[in-house]
Amino acid sequence: MTAPTTRRRLALAVVLAALVSVTLPATAQQNPPAPAPKEEEVPFWAIGKPKTGPGAAMAPVPAFPIATPADKLPIAKMKVPPGFKVEVYAANVLDARGLRQGDKGTVFVSTNFVAGKLYALVDKGGTREVKTVLDKLELANGIEFHKGSLYLATPKMITRYDDIESKLDKPGDPVKVYDQLPGDVPHGWKFIKIGPDGKLYVPVGAPCNLCDPPSDTYAHIRRINLDGSGMEIVARGVRNTVGFDFHPRTGELWFTDNQRDWLSEDLPQDELNHLTKPGQQHFGYPYCHQGDFADPELGWGKSCDDFVKPAALLGPHSAPLGMRFYTGKMFPAQYHNQIFIARHGPWNRTKKYAADVVVAYLDKNGKVTKIEPFLTGLVENNAYLGRPVDVLVLKDGSLLVSDDHNGAVYRVSYGK
């Protein structure tokens, strides 16, 4: 290598080193670009909520974080028809929702958002012990009792606990029955019941307030064999049913359905529906609400006449949940084979109402002739004193009513 070449390379190296020494500090002093602000996640219940006005302030009504003591429960406020009496069946049942009675008389109570438990109410000679059977459950709202076994449904799967009444302290591991549920949280909590055909009926709610999901995946009621096989869809266009029962004479399915939110204070009304042709009927969601009101977003080009009309309307945003045909003998004859419906009461309505139990009366042709209040008095000063969730006809003919707001179960009886 020649001397001039060496000198040129050395000079070039010095220049590059100088440039690097100037550039690196300047680069190091520059602030890195700020990350793009994350868009705040909107809870599913708030999608579509008004941006201003009274509607903007509405949110789900929180239940009490601890159960209301028995002597503070609103029994004195409750009103029932003459001859009936309401009493506390069990207190300290935090987040009490679904109700089922076992063969040995044990009353099982499910929970949903707050407690994550399954309770057993065990009779101790006139008093009832509240026993926690299962804990740390995920939205395990749906329960059913059949031939000694308790079926339990979460948004993701259905499991079974065999011989449960003999194993309240140690129920053991469950048997998996069915794991083909979508698992969505919005409207993912279940109500399950075994029909007169021996099959287990389970709803899959819409994963939203208003959307048009695949009808084979969401917004329907399906049934399966008790081993989880043979799934078939029996009703479509069902937004969110958390209560159904089968007519004691015809065996046909009746169900409540909660309609869409954020349309207005008074529209749409929630529904009581009647399935007469399993697998062939569509009940309107998301195209038509309350049987005669086309949705302003998704109802274009649709006719409400193409869908099954509700058997009865239950009031705007009244949140009808559990329902049962009365099959006992304690109540007067006018109530036999009629439908008792628990209305939870609206959270997305400025004027609160419902929070009651009503009776839907059917004629001999299965038509609803009227709906009358049965248990009332739980709304005061535009606030809830209690919020009924489910109803259950006990073996003695009395009626249980669960209240997730207070964490309690009430018993309604007739006569002495």
Protein backbone atom coordinates (compact mmCIF):
# COMPACT_ATOMS: atom_id res chain seq x y z
CA MET A 1 0.00 0.00 0.00
CA THR A 2 1.45 3.43 -0.99
CA ALA A 3 1.90 6.23 1.46
CA PRO A 4 -0.55 8.56 -0.30
CA THR A 5 -3.20 5.83 -0.25
CA THR A 6 -2.62 5.21 3.44
CA ARG A 7 -2.88 8.92 4.23
CA ARG A 8 -6.15 9.19 2.25
CA ARG A 9 -7.70 6.26 4.14
CA LEU A 10 -6.61 7.63 7.46
CA ALA A 11 -8.08 11.00 6.59
CA LEU A 12 -11.38 9.36 5.56
CA ALA A 13 -11.52 7.39 8.83
CA VAL A 14 -11.00 10.57 10.83
CA VAL A 15 -13.81 12.31 8.96
CA LEU A 16 -16.21 9.37 9.47
CA ALA A 17 -15.35 9.20 13.15
CA ALA A 18 -16.05 12.88 13.49
CA LEU A 19 -19.38 12.54 11.77
CA VAL A 20 -20.34 9.63 14.02
CA SER A 21 -19.30 11.56 17.12
CA VAL A 22 -21.56 14.43 16.07
CA THR A 23 -24.49 12.32 14.88
CA LEU A 24 -24.82 9.83 17.75
CA PRO A 25 -25.34 12.38 20.55
CA ALA A 26 -27.82 14.28 18.40
CA THR A 27 -29.75 11.07 17.71
CA ALA A 28 -29.64 10.01 21.35
CA GLN A 29 -31.12 13.31 22.44
CA GLN A 30 -34.18 12.96 20.20
CA ASN A 31 -37.37 11.83 22.03
CA PRO A 32 -38.86 8.58 20.68
CA PRO A 33 -42.27 9.01 19.01
CA ALA A 34 -45.12 8.89 21.52
CA PRO A 35 -47.25 5.72 21.24
CA ALA A 36 -50.68 6.22 19.75
CA PRO A 37 -53.25 6.66 22.53
CA LYS A 38 -55.25 3.52 23.17
CA GLU A 39 -58.92 3.77 22.43
CA GLU A 40 -60.83 3.27 25.67
CA GLU A 41 -62.72 -0.02 25.62
CA VAL A 42 -66.46 0.46 25.86
CA PRO A 43 -68.37 -2.14 27.93
CA PHE A 44 -70.74 -4.17 25.78
CA TRP A 45 -73.80 -2.81 27.61
CA ALA A 46 -72.77 0.79 26.82
CA ILE A 47 -72.44 0.41 23.05
CA GLY A 48 -75.08 2.70 21.55
CA LYS A 49 -75.62 4.68 24.74
CA PRO A 50 -76.51 8.37 24.23
CA LYS A 51 -73.55 10.75 24.46
CA THR A 52 -75.49 13.49 26.24
CA GLY A 53 -78.63 13.94 28.31
CA PRO A 54 -80.10 11.68 31.00
CA GLY A 55 -79.36 8.55 29.00
CA ALA A 56 -75.61 9.20 29.12
CA ALA A 57 -75.59 8.77 32.90
CA MET A 58 -77.33 5.38 32.96
CA ALA A 59 -75.46 2.20 33.86
CA PRO A 60 -76.38 -1.23 35.25
CA VAL A 61 -77.79 -1.05 38.76
CA PRO A 62 -75.19 -2.46 41.16
CA ALA A 63 -76.33 -5.14 43.58
CA PHE A 64 -75.31 -4.82 47.20
CA PRO A 65 -71.74 -6.16 47.62
CA ILE A 66 -72.83 -8.08 50.72
CA ALA A 67 -76.11 -9.82 51.38
CA THR A 68 -78.80 -7.84 53.19
CA PRO A 69 -79.41 -9.11 56.77
CA ALA A 70 -82.71 -10.92 57.22
CA ASP A 71 -84.19 -8.20 59.45
CA LYS A 72 -83.44 -5.55 56.80
CA LEU A 73 -85.10 -7.31 53.87
CA PRO A 74 -88.09 -5.46 52.34
CA ILE A 75 -90.74 -8.02 53.31
CA ALA A 76 -93.01 -5.34 54.80
CA LYS A 77 -92.97 -3.45 51.50
CA MET A 78 -94.07 -6.40 49.38
CA LYS A 79 -97.68 -6.61 48.28
CA VAL A 80 -99.45 -9.81 47.21
CA PRO A 81 -103.13 -10.65 46.58
CA PRO A 82 -105.44 -11.31 49.56
CA GLY A 83 -104.82 -14.67 51.23
CA PHE A 84 -101.15 -14.80 50.26
CA LYS A 85 -98.17 -14.27 52.54
CA VAL A 86 -94.50 -13.45 51.83
CA GLU A 87 -91.74 -14.50 54.21
CA VAL A 88 -87.96 -14.85 54.13
CA TYR A 89 -87.03 -18.34 53.02
CA ALA A 90 -83.28 -17.71 53.22
CA ALA A 91 -81.08 -14.65 53.73
CA ASN A 92 -77.32 -14.29 53.20
CA VAL A 93 -77.53 -15.79 49.71
CA LEU A 94 -75.33 -13.27 47.92
CA ASP A 95 -76.27 -12.74 44.26
CA ALA A 96 -79.15 -15.27 44.41
CA ARG A 97 -80.43 -16.10 40.92
CA GLY A 98 -81.43 -19.50 39.52
CA LEU A 99 -83.57 -21.85 41.65
CA ARG A 100 -83.96 -25.64 41.54
CA GLN A 101 -85.19 -28.19 44.09
CA GLY A 102 -83.61 -31.61 44.51
CA ASP A 103 -85.36 -34.91 45.16
CA LYS A 104 -84.52 -34.70 48.88
CA GLY A 105 -85.82 -31.15 49.21
CA THR A 106 -82.52 -29.27 48.88
CA VAL A 107 -82.97 -25.93 47.10
CA PHE A 108 -80.02 -25.07 44.87
CA VAL A 109 -79.32 -21.41 44.10
CA SER A 110 -77.01 -20.24 41.32
CA THR A 111 -75.22 -16.90 41.06
CA ASN A 112 -73.91 -14.82 38.20
CA PHE A 113 -71.73 -11.68 38.25
CA VAL A 114 -71.05 -11.04 41.93
CA ALA A 115 -70.56 -14.22 43.92
CA GLY A 116 -69.43 -16.93 41.52
CA LYS A 117 -70.94 -19.60 43.78
CA LEU A 118 -73.48 -22.38 43.86
CA TYR A 119 -75.44 -22.59 47.11
CA ALA A 120 -77.55 -25.28 48.70
CA LEU A 121 -80.34 -24.27 51.08
CA VAL A 122 -80.67 -27.17 53.50
CA ASP A 123 -83.71 -27.42 55.75
CA LYS A 124 -82.79 -27.75 59.42
CA GLY A 125 -86.25 -28.21 60.91
CA GLY A 126 -87.80 -24.89 59.96
CA THR A 127 -84.61 -22.93 59.49
CA ARG A 128 -82.36 -23.16 56.47
CA GLU A 129 -78.60 -23.44 56.36
CA VAL A 130 -76.96 -21.64 53.42
CA LYS A 131 -74.16 -23.94 52.30
CA THR A 132 -71.63 -23.01 49.59
CA VAL A 133 -71.28 -26.09 47.39
CA LEU A 134 -69.11 -24.66 44.59
CA ASP A 135 -66.98 -21.52 44.41
CA LYS A 136 -65.00 -19.47 41.86
CA LEU A 137 -67.46 -20.18 39.05
CA GLU A 138 -67.65 -18.18 35.83
CA LEU A 139 -71.15 -16.76 35.27
CA ALA A 140 -72.70 -20.07 36.32
CA ASN A 141 -76.27 -18.79 36.14
CA GLY A 142 -77.82 -21.89 34.57
CA ILE A 143 -78.71 -24.89 36.74
CA GLU A 144 -81.01 -27.89 36.39
CA PHE A 145 -81.71 -30.91 38.60
CA HIS A 146 -82.54 -34.28 37.10
CA LYS A 147 -82.48 -37.80 38.59
CA GLY A 148 -80.10 -36.93 41.40
CA SER A 149 -77.72 -34.89 39.26
CA LEU A 150 -77.17 -31.16 39.08
CA TYR A 151 -76.42 -29.70 35.66
CA LEU A 152 -74.50 -26.41 35.65
CA ALA A 153 -74.02 -24.10 32.64
CA THR A 154 -71.43 -21.36 32.15
CA PRO A 155 -70.98 -19.35 28.92
CA LYS A 156 -68.53 -22.01 27.73
CA MET A 157 -69.84 -25.41 28.78
CA ILE A 158 -72.33 -27.56 30.64
CA THR A 159 -71.16 -29.95 33.35
CA ARG A 160 -72.92 -32.42 35.66
CA TYR A 161 -72.49 -33.28 39.33
CA ASP A 162 -73.93 -36.70 40.13
CA ASP A 163 -75.58 -37.66 43.42
CA ILE A 164 -75.16 -34.04 44.46
CA GLU A 165 -77.48 -34.06 47.48
CA SER A 166 -75.27 -36.65 49.15
CA LYS A 167 -72.09 -34.72 48.35
CA LEU A 168 -72.84 -31.12 49.32
CA ASP A 169 -69.59 -30.84 51.28
CA LYS A 170 -67.43 -32.53 48.65
CA PRO A 171 -69.21 -32.62 45.27
CA GLY A 172 -66.10 -33.93 43.49
CA ASP A 173 -65.10 -33.31 39.89
CA PRO A 174 -67.88 -32.70 37.39
CA VAL A 175 -68.67 -34.73 34.31
CA LYS A 176 -68.37 -32.75 31.08
CA VAL A 177 -71.66 -32.82 29.20
CA TYR A 178 -71.25 -30.25 26.42
CA ASP A 179 -68.47 -27.83 25.48
CA GLN A 180 -69.66 -26.41 22.16
CA LEU A 181 -70.96 -23.07 23.49
CA PRO A 182 -69.36 -19.89 22.08
CA GLY A 183 -68.31 -18.62 25.51
CA ASP A 184 -69.02 -14.91 24.95
CA VAL A 185 -69.67 -12.85 28.06
CA PRO A 186 -72.32 -10.52 26.56
CA HIS A 187 -75.59 -12.39 27.07
CA GLY A 188 -73.54 -15.52 27.67
CA TRP A 189 -75.05 -16.51 31.02
CA LYS A 190 -77.48 -19.37 30.67
CA PHE A 191 -80.84 -20.70 31.79
CA ILE A 192 -81.15 -24.45 31.23
CA LYS A 193 -84.03 -26.85 31.58
CA ILE A 194 -84.82 -30.44 30.63
CA GLY A 195 -87.95 -30.70 28.53
CA PRO A 196 -90.65 -33.37 28.46
CA ASP A 197 -88.74 -34.94 25.56
CA GLY A 198 -85.84 -35.68 27.93
CA LYS A 199 -83.52 -33.24 26.17
CA LEU A 200 -81.59 -30.35 27.72
CA TYR A 201 -82.55 -26.91 26.38
CA VAL A 202 -79.95 -24.12 26.45
CA PRO A 203 -79.99 -20.61 24.92
CA VAL A 204 -77.13 -18.84 23.18
CA GLY A 205 -77.74 -15.10 23.41
CA ALA A 206 -76.67 -12.41 20.97
CA PRO A 207 -73.06 -11.33 21.72
CA CYS A 208 -74.03 -7.66 21.57
CA ASN A 209 -76.84 -5.18 22.10
CA LEU A 210 -77.66 -5.07 18.39
CA CYS A 211 -75.87 -6.98 15.64
CA ASP A 212 -76.62 -9.61 13.01
CA PRO A 213 -74.63 -12.67 14.09
CA PRO A 214 -74.80 -16.06 12.34
CA SER A 215 -78.07 -17.63 13.47
CA ASP A 216 -76.47 -21.06 13.76
CA THR A 217 -74.02 -19.68 16.34
CA TYR A 218 -75.93 -17.04 18.32
CA ALA A 219 -79.39 -15.67 19.15
CA HIS A 220 -81.20 -18.98 19.40
CA ILE A 221 -82.29 -21.80 21.70
CA ARG A 222 -80.76 -25.21 21.13
CA ARG A 223 -81.36 -28.62 22.66
CA ILE A 224 -79.07 -31.57 23.19
CA ASN A 225 -79.27 -35.11 24.47
CA LEU A 226 -78.23 -35.51 28.08
CA ASP A 227 -74.87 -36.92 26.98
CA GLY A 228 -74.19 -33.78 24.90
CA SER A 229 -74.91 -35.33 21.52
CA GLY A 230 -77.55 -34.53 18.90
CA MET A 231 -77.50 -30.72 19.05
CA GLU A 232 -80.30 -29.02 17.14
CA ILE A 233 -81.62 -25.47 17.09
CA VAL A 234 -85.28 -25.19 18.04
CA ALA A 235 -85.85 -21.40 17.96
CA ARG A 236 -84.03 -18.58 16.14
CA GLY A 237 -84.20 -14.81 16.48
CA VAL A 238 -83.98 -14.94 20.30
CA ARG A 239 -81.85 -12.09 21.66
CA ASN A 240 -81.48 -13.00 25.33
CA THR A 241 -83.74 -15.46 27.10
CA VAL A 242 -82.90 -16.23 30.73
CA GLY A 243 -86.14 -18.02 31.58
CA PHE A 244 -88.37 -20.66 29.99
CA ASP A 245 -90.66 -23.53 30.86
CA PHE A 246 -92.85 -26.16 29.21
CA HIS A 247 -96.63 -26.14 29.31
CA PRO A 248 -97.68 -28.92 31.72
CA ARG A 249 -100.33 -30.21 29.30
CA THR A 250 -99.05 -29.56 25.77
CA GLY A 251 -95.31 -29.79 26.50
CA GLU A 252 -94.70 -26.73 24.32
CA LEU A 253 -91.90 -24.29 25.15
CA TRP A 254 -92.63 -20.79 26.43
CA PHE A 255 -89.83 -18.29 27.03
CA THR A 256 -89.15 -14.69 28.01
CA ASP A 257 -86.88 -12.56 25.82
CA ASN A 258 -85.11 -9.27 26.55
CA GLN A 259 -85.17 -6.89 23.59
CA ARG A 260 -82.52 -4.37 22.43
CA ASP A 261 -81.34 -1.37 24.44
CA TRP A 262 -80.80 2.32 23.68
CA LEU A 263 -83.62 2.78 21.20
CA SER A 264 -85.82 4.83 23.52
CA GLU A 265 -87.31 4.81 27.00
CA ASP A 266 -90.48 3.13 25.81
CA LEU A 267 -89.35 0.98 22.87
CA PRO A 268 -89.13 -1.87 22.41
CA GLN A 269 -91.14 -3.93 24.88
CA ASP A 270 -89.77 -7.21 26.16
CA GLU A 271 -91.55 -10.38 25.16
CA LEU A 272 -93.18 -13.62 26.26
CA ASN A 273 -92.94 -16.11 23.40
CA HIS A 274 -94.47 -19.47 22.52
CA LEU A 275 -92.70 -22.08 20.38
CA THR A 276 -95.07 -24.35 18.48
CA LYS A 277 -92.88 -25.65 15.63
CA PRO A 278 -89.40 -26.51 16.90
CA GLY A 279 -86.68 -25.75 14.37
CA GLN A 280 -88.98 -23.80 12.05
CA GLN A 281 -89.69 -20.50 13.81
CA HIS A 282 -87.80 -17.20 13.94
CA PHE A 283 -88.80 -14.69 16.63
CA GLY A 284 -87.51 -11.51 15.00
CA TYR A 285 -84.15 -10.46 16.46
CA PRO A 286 -82.36 -8.38 15.20
CA TYR A 287 -84.74 -7.29 12.47
CA CYS A 288 -88.04 -6.89 14.30
CA HIS A 289 -88.81 -6.16 17.95
CA GLN A 290 -92.03 -6.68 19.97
CA GLY A 291 -93.63 -8.20 16.87
CA ASP A 292 -94.46 -4.96 15.10
CA PHE A 293 -91.44 -2.66 15.18
CA ALA A 294 -88.75 -2.96 12.50
CA ASP A 295 -85.31 -2.09 13.81
CA PRO A 296 -84.21 1.33 12.49
CA GLU A 297 -80.72 -0.02 11.68
CA LEU A 298 -81.15 -3.66 10.66
CA GLY A 299 -84.86 -3.83 9.82
CA TRP A 300 -84.64 -2.33 6.33
CA GLY A 301 -86.13 -4.67 3.73
CA LYS A 302 -87.63 -6.88 6.44
CA SER A 303 -91.26 -7.34 7.40
CA CYS A 304 -92.37 -8.09 10.94
CA ASP A 305 -95.05 -10.30 9.42
CA ASP A 306 -92.30 -12.76 8.45
CA PHE A 307 -91.51 -13.52 12.09
CA VAL A 308 -93.40 -15.11 14.98
CA LYS A 309 -95.40 -12.58 16.98
CA PRO A 310 -94.93 -12.48 20.76
CA ALA A 311 -97.53 -14.23 22.86
CA ALA A 312 -97.56 -11.14 25.09
CA LEU A 313 -95.62 -7.93 25.66
CA LEU A 314 -94.09 -7.41 29.10
CA GLY A 315 -93.18 -3.71 29.13
CA PRO A 316 -90.22 -1.67 27.85
CA HIS A 317 -86.89 -2.86 29.27
CA SER A 318 -88.73 -4.64 32.10
CA ALA A 319 -86.08 -7.41 31.97
CA PRO A 320 -88.26 -10.54 32.31
CA LEU A 321 -86.11 -13.39 33.55
CA GLY A 322 -87.26 -16.59 35.28
CA MET A 323 -90.73 -17.99 34.59
CA ARG A 324 -92.63 -21.11 35.63
CA PHE A 325 -96.00 -22.66 35.02
CA TYR A 326 -97.72 -23.08 38.35
CA THR A 327 -98.11 -26.85 38.83
CA GLY A 328 -98.75 -26.91 42.57
CA LYS A 329 -102.01 -27.31 44.49
CA MET A 330 -101.64 -24.73 47.27
CA PHE A 331 -102.71 -21.67 45.25
CA PRO A 332 -106.35 -21.09 44.18
CA ALA A 333 -107.54 -22.75 40.98
CA GLN A 334 -107.25 -19.55 38.91
CA TYR A 335 -103.45 -19.85 39.10
CA HIS A 336 -103.18 -23.49 38.06
CA ASN A 337 -101.16 -23.95 34.84
CA GLN A 338 -100.66 -20.19 34.54
CA ILE A 339 -97.24 -18.52 34.07
CA PHE A 340 -95.47 -16.70 36.90
CA ILE A 341 -92.81 -14.33 35.51
CA ALA A 342 -90.08 -12.52 37.45
CA ARG A 343 -89.35 -9.06 36.01
CA HIS A 344 -85.96 -7.79 37.15
CA GLY A 345 -86.73 -4.16 36.32
CA PRO A 346 -84.91 -1.85 33.89
CA TRP A 347 -81.52 -0.29 34.46
CA ASN A 348 -81.45 1.64 31.18
CA ARG A 349 -84.62 3.62 31.76
CA THR A 350 -84.76 6.83 33.76
CA LYS A 351 -88.06 5.86 35.35
CA LYS A 352 -87.71 2.56 37.19
CA TYR A 353 -90.60 0.10 37.43
CA ALA A 354 -91.36 -3.65 37.42
CA ALA A 355 -89.01 -5.43 39.90
CA ASP A 356 -91.97 -7.70 40.49
CA VAL A 357 -93.65 -11.01 39.74
CA VAL A 358 -96.58 -11.01 37.31
CA VAL A 359 -98.95 -13.74 36.15
CA ALA A 360 -99.74 -14.38 32.48
CA TYR A 361 -103.13 -16.08 32.16
CA LEU A 362 -103.77 -18.48 29.28
CA ASP A 363 -107.09 -19.62 27.91
CA LYS A 364 -107.83 -23.21 26.86
CA ASN A 365 -106.38 -22.47 23.41
CA GLY A 366 -103.07 -21.32 24.80
CA LYS A 367 -103.61 -17.61 24.18
CA VAL A 368 -102.57 -15.03 26.75
CA THR A 369 -105.71 -13.25 27.90
CA LYS A 370 -104.21 -10.88 30.47
CA ILE A 371 -101.17 -10.16 32.62
CA GLU A 372 -101.70 -9.19 36.23
CA PRO A 373 -99.33 -8.12 39.03
CA PHE A 374 -98.75 -10.69 41.74
CA LEU A 375 -95.84 -9.54 43.93
CA THR A 376 -95.12 -5.81 43.89
CA GLY A 377 -93.81 -3.00 46.10
CA LEU A 378 -90.08 -3.17 45.36
CA VAL A 379 -89.75 0.21 43.62
CA GLU A 380 -89.65 3.27 45.85
CA ASN A 381 -88.46 6.82 45.10
CA ASN A 382 -87.32 5.65 41.66
CA ALA A 383 -84.97 3.09 43.22
CA TYR A 384 -85.11 -0.66 43.74
CA LEU A 385 -85.73 -2.24 47.13
CA GLY A 386 -85.24 -5.65 45.56
CA ARG A 387 -85.06 -7.25 42.10
CA PRO A 388 -86.68 -10.66 41.45
CA VAL A 389 -84.75 -13.02 39.18
CA ASP A 390 -86.25 -16.51 39.24
CA VAL A 391 -89.33 -18.30 40.54
CA LEU A 392 -89.74 -21.92 41.59
CA VAL A 393 -92.78 -23.99 42.57
CA LEU A 394 -91.82 -26.07 45.60
CA LYS A 395 -93.13 -29.56 46.22
CA ASP A 396 -95.58 -28.17 48.81
CA GLY A 397 -97.07 -25.79 46.23
CA SER A 398 -95.56 -22.58 47.60
CA LEU A 399 -93.54 -20.28 45.33
CA LEU A 400 -89.94 -19.22 45.84
CA VAL A 401 -88.63 -15.94 44.45
CA SER A 402 -84.91 -15.13 44.27
CA ASP A 403 -83.60 -11.57 44.67
CA ASP A 404 -80.03 -10.93 43.52
CA HIS A 405 -80.15 -7.29 44.64
CA ASN A 406 -80.47 -8.23 48.31
CA GLY A 407 -79.04 -11.73 48.19
CA ALA A 408 -82.17 -13.46 49.43
CA VAL A 409 -84.88 -15.98 48.61
CA TYR A 410 -88.53 -15.34 49.54
CA ARG A 411 -91.40 -17.81 49.93
CA VAL A 412 -94.96 -16.98 48.91
CA SER A 413 -97.67 -19.20 50.40
CA TYR A 414 -101.47 -19.21 50.47
CA GLY A 415 -103.82 -19.90 53.35
CA LYS A 416 -102.82 -21.06 56.80
